[in-house]
Amino acid sequence: MPNVFISHRKSDAQQAERLANELKDAGHEVWFDEWKIDIGDSIVERVDQGLEGSKYLVLCYSSSEMSPWVNREWMSVLARQLSGHQVKVLPILLTGGKPPAILADIKYADLVKDWSQGISELLRAIK
């Protein structure tokens, strides 16, 4: 099962796939929608399976508002955390934006300012 789930807006897919590839190249199993959802699959079912099997949710902040899908993904993980599951939200600034108020106190990696430094920080957080 994947241990890192990438949550991103469709408009950020190119940068999110670059991120997914870097995590994969570092030896992590990555759930990235473009790789895991095939034609004919139930999107909801595949996303649910990916979230259930993940130890980390990489939450990509976007220069525009978060999509309803992204909101559902991080809220699902937050609910799992509160229920005692060992899952962690790892926010990253992918193209800009800001965190929702409930996540504002969580440190994020800044890939906009310095991609390499942000990736290094993210990889250190994934154990």
C-alpha atoms as a PDB file:
ATOM      1  CA  MET A   1       0.000   0.000   0.000  1.00  0.00           C
ATOM      2  CA  PRO A   2       1.177   3.565  -0.640  1.00  0.00           C
ATOM      3  CA  ASN A   3       2.719   5.378   2.288  1.00  0.00           C
ATOM      4  CA  VAL A   4       2.587   8.918   0.838  1.00  0.00           C
ATOM      5  CA  PHE A   5      -0.619  10.371  -0.627  1.00  0.00           C
ATOM      6  CA  ILE A   6      -0.260  13.522  -2.752  1.00  0.00           C
ATOM      7  CA  SER A   7      -3.273  15.840  -2.398  1.00  0.00           C
ATOM      8  CA  HIS A   8      -3.315  18.586  -5.033  1.00  0.00           C
ATOM      9  CA  ARG A   9      -5.495  20.654  -7.334  1.00  0.00           C
ATOM     10  CA  LYS A  10      -5.812  19.517 -10.941  1.00  0.00           C
ATOM     11  CA  SER A  11      -4.396  22.870 -12.058  1.00  0.00           C
ATOM     12  CA  ASP A  12      -1.172  21.995 -10.170  1.00  0.00           C
ATOM     13  CA  ALA A  13      -0.854  18.494 -11.635  1.00  0.00           C
ATOM     14  CA  GLN A  14       2.451  19.132 -13.400  1.00  0.00           C
ATOM     15  CA  GLN A  15       4.231  20.369 -10.264  1.00  0.00           C
ATOM     16  CA  ALA A  16       2.525  17.699  -8.137  1.00  0.00           C
ATOM     17  CA  GLU A  17       3.753  14.952 -10.470  1.00  0.00           C
ATOM     18  CA  ARG A  18       7.282  16.348 -10.275  1.00  0.00           C
ATOM     19  CA  LEU A  19       6.975  16.141  -6.490  1.00  0.00           C
ATOM     20  CA  ALA A  20       5.544  12.595  -6.678  1.00  0.00           C
ATOM     21  CA  ASN A  21       8.448  11.490  -8.877  1.00  0.00           C
ATOM     22  CA  GLU A  22      11.016  12.934  -6.461  1.00  0.00           C
ATOM     23  CA  LEU A  23       9.410  11.122  -3.526  1.00  0.00           C
ATOM     24  CA  LYS A  24       9.262   7.899  -5.532  1.00  0.00           C
ATOM     25  CA  ASP A  25      12.914   8.287  -6.572  1.00  0.00           C
ATOM     26  CA  ALA A  26      13.788   8.679  -2.874  1.00  0.00           C
ATOM     27  CA  GLY A  27      12.316   5.218  -2.257  1.00  0.00           C
ATOM     28  CA  HIS A  28       8.815   6.036  -1.051  1.00  0.00           C
ATOM     29  CA  GLU A  29       5.659   4.418  -2.313  1.00  0.00           C
ATOM     30  CA  VAL A  30       3.509   7.267  -3.617  1.00  0.00           C
ATOM     31  CA  TRP A  31      -0.212   7.511  -4.289  1.00  0.00           C
ATOM     32  CA  PHE A  32      -0.689  10.050  -7.073  1.00  0.00           C
ATOM     33  CA  ASP A  33      -4.111  10.193  -8.730  1.00  0.00           C
ATOM     34  CA  GLU A  34      -2.821  10.188 -12.306  1.00  0.00           C
ATOM     35  CA  TRP A  35      -0.943   6.948 -11.554  1.00  0.00           C
ATOM     36  CA  LYS A  36      -3.610   5.197  -9.498  1.00  0.00           C
ATOM     37  CA  ILE A  37      -6.993   5.989 -11.078  1.00  0.00           C
ATOM     38  CA  ASP A  38      -7.701   4.311 -14.407  1.00  0.00           C
ATOM     39  CA  ILE A  39     -10.552   4.778 -16.854  1.00  0.00           C
ATOM     40  CA  GLY A  40     -13.595   2.970 -15.463  1.00  0.00           C
ATOM     41  CA  ASP A  41     -12.424   3.131 -11.836  1.00  0.00           C
ATOM     42  CA  SER A  42     -14.578   4.640  -9.132  1.00  0.00           C
ATOM     43  CA  ILE A  43     -12.712   7.826  -8.239  1.00  0.00           C
ATOM     44  CA  VAL A  44     -14.165   7.915  -4.722  1.00  0.00           C
ATOM     45  CA  GLU A  45     -13.249   4.279  -4.084  1.00  0.00           C
ATOM     46  CA  ARG A  46      -9.679   4.669  -5.369  1.00  0.00           C
ATOM     47  CA  VAL A  47      -9.098   7.871  -3.367  1.00  0.00           C
ATOM     48  CA  ASP A  48     -10.499   6.198  -0.244  1.00  0.00           C
ATOM     49  CA  GLN A  49      -8.178   3.207  -0.722  1.00  0.00           C
ATOM     50  CA  GLY A  50      -5.210   5.543  -1.191  1.00  0.00           C
ATOM     51  CA  LEU A  51      -6.019   7.532   1.933  1.00  0.00           C
ATOM     52  CA  GLU A  52      -6.585   4.403   4.041  1.00  0.00           C
ATOM     53  CA  GLY A  53      -3.208   2.973   3.025  1.00  0.00           C
ATOM     54  CA  SER A  54      -1.196   6.139   3.579  1.00  0.00           C
ATOM     55  CA  LYS A  55       0.934   7.103   6.525  1.00  0.00           C
ATOM     56  CA  TYR A  56       1.437  10.644   5.177  1.00  0.00           C
ATOM     57  CA  LEU A  57      -0.758  13.083   3.287  1.00  0.00           C
ATOM     58  CA  VAL A  58       1.295  15.671   1.411  1.00  0.00           C
ATOM     59  CA  LEU A  59      -1.092  18.615   1.270  1.00  0.00           C
ATOM     60  CA  CYS A  60      -0.209  20.927  -1.616  1.00  0.00           C
ATOM     61  CA  TYR A  61      -1.100  24.571  -1.033  1.00  0.00           C
ATOM     62  CA  SER A  62      -2.041  26.216  -4.287  1.00  0.00           C
ATOM     63  CA  SER A  63      -1.934  29.800  -5.489  1.00  0.00           C
ATOM     64  CA  SER A  64      -5.701  29.567  -5.765  1.00  0.00           C
ATOM     65  CA  GLU A  65      -8.251  28.236  -3.314  1.00  0.00           C
ATOM     66  CA  MET A  66      -8.141  24.532  -2.407  1.00  0.00           C
ATOM     67  CA  SER A  67     -10.507  22.358  -4.389  1.00  0.00           C
ATOM     68  CA  PRO A  68     -13.402  20.448  -2.779  1.00  0.00           C
ATOM     69  CA  TRP A  69     -11.486  17.186  -3.387  1.00  0.00           C
ATOM     70  CA  VAL A  70      -8.353  18.467  -1.644  1.00  0.00           C
ATOM     71  CA  ASN A  71     -10.461  19.680   1.282  1.00  0.00           C
ATOM     72  CA  ARG A  72     -12.142  16.283   1.615  1.00  0.00           C
ATOM     73  CA  GLU A  73      -8.781  14.504   1.503  1.00  0.00           C
ATOM     74  CA  TRP A  74      -7.082  16.507   4.262  1.00  0.00           C
ATOM     75  CA  MET A  75     -10.228  16.579   6.402  1.00  0.00           C
ATOM     76  CA  SER A  76     -10.458  12.794   6.131  1.00  0.00           C
ATOM     77  CA  VAL A  77      -6.865  12.457   7.305  1.00  0.00           C
ATOM     78  CA  LEU A  78      -7.436  14.910  10.150  1.00  0.00           C
ATOM     79  CA  ALA A  79     -10.440  12.850  11.297  1.00  0.00           C
ATOM     80  CA  ARG A  80      -8.293   9.699  11.189  1.00  0.00           C
ATOM     81  CA  GLN A  81      -5.608  11.449  13.294  1.00  0.00           C
ATOM     82  CA  LEU A  82      -8.206  12.455  15.881  1.00  0.00           C
ATOM     83  CA  SER A  83      -9.398   8.829  16.000  1.00  0.00           C
ATOM     84  CA  GLY A  84      -5.905   7.667  16.946  1.00  0.00           C
ATOM     85  CA  HIS A  85      -4.564   6.538  13.568  1.00  0.00           C
ATOM     86  CA  GLN A  86      -0.883   7.088  12.862  1.00  0.00           C
ATOM     87  CA  VAL A  87      -1.192   9.371   9.855  1.00  0.00           C
ATOM     88  CA  LYS A  88       0.410  12.771   9.424  1.00  0.00           C
ATOM     89  CA  VAL A  89      -0.405  15.824   7.295  1.00  0.00           C
ATOM     90  CA  LEU A  90       2.699  17.286   5.644  1.00  0.00           C
ATOM     91  CA  PRO A  91       1.797  20.651   4.105  1.00  0.00           C
ATOM     92  CA  ILE A  92       3.826  22.096   1.272  1.00  0.00           C
ATOM     93  CA  LEU A  93       3.644  25.383  -0.547  1.00  0.00           C
ATOM     94  CA  LEU A  94       3.518  24.070  -4.118  1.00  0.00           C
ATOM     95  CA  THR A  95       2.369  27.086  -6.112  1.00  0.00           C
ATOM     96  CA  GLY A  96       1.342  29.554  -3.413  1.00  0.00           C
ATOM     97  CA  GLY A  97      -1.686  30.005  -1.200  1.00  0.00           C
ATOM     98  CA  LYS A  98      -2.152  29.686   2.525  1.00  0.00           C
ATOM     99  CA  PRO A  99      -3.292  26.990   4.926  1.00  0.00           C
ATOM    100  CA  PRO A 100      -6.830  26.655   6.243  1.00  0.00           C
ATOM    101  CA  ALA A 101      -7.119  28.120   9.759  1.00  0.00           C
ATOM    102  CA  ILE A 102      -7.172  24.716  11.474  1.00  0.00           C
ATOM    103  CA  LEU A 103      -3.803  23.808   9.897  1.00  0.00           C
ATOM    104  CA  ALA A 104      -2.163  27.244  10.183  1.00  0.00           C
ATOM    105  CA  ASP A 105       0.104  26.205  13.073  1.00  0.00           C
ATOM    106  CA  ILE A 106       1.662  23.302  11.154  1.00  0.00           C
ATOM    107  CA  LYS A 107       5.059  24.012   9.605  1.00  0.00           C
ATOM    108  CA  TYR A 108       5.147  23.602   5.843  1.00  0.00           C
ATOM    109  CA  ALA A 109       7.865  23.069   3.239  1.00  0.00           C
ATOM    110  CA  ASP A 110       8.190  25.936   0.762  1.00  0.00           C
ATOM    111  CA  LEU A 111       8.779  24.588  -2.741  1.00  0.00           C
ATOM    112  CA  VAL A 112       8.018  27.956  -4.342  1.00  0.00           C
ATOM    113  CA  LYS A 113      10.882  29.753  -2.660  1.00  0.00           C
ATOM    114  CA  ASP A 114      13.432  26.908  -2.939  1.00  0.00           C
ATOM    115  CA  TRP A 115      12.380  23.589  -4.493  1.00  0.00           C
ATOM    116  CA  SER A 116      15.495  21.642  -3.443  1.00  0.00           C
ATOM    117  CA  GLN A 117      15.414  22.873   0.151  1.00  0.00           C
ATOM    118  CA  GLY A 118      11.676  22.191   0.397  1.00  0.00           C
ATOM    119  CA  ILE A 119      12.121  18.638  -0.917  1.00  0.00           C
ATOM    120  CA  SER A 120      14.947  18.025   1.571  1.00  0.00           C
ATOM    121  CA  GLU A 121      12.750  19.192   4.453  1.00  0.00           C
ATOM    122  CA  LEU A 122       9.853  17.054   3.240  1.00  0.00           C
ATOM    123  CA  LEU A 123      12.024  13.954   2.907  1.00  0.00           C
ATOM    124  CA  ARG A 124      13.322  14.451   6.463  1.00  0.00           C
ATOM    125  CA  ALA A 125       9.734  14.521   7.715  1.00  0.00           C
ATOM    126  CA  ILE A 126       8.859  11.212   6.036  1.00  0.00           C
ATOM    127  CA  LYS A 127      10.151   8.420   8.238  1.00  0.00           C
END
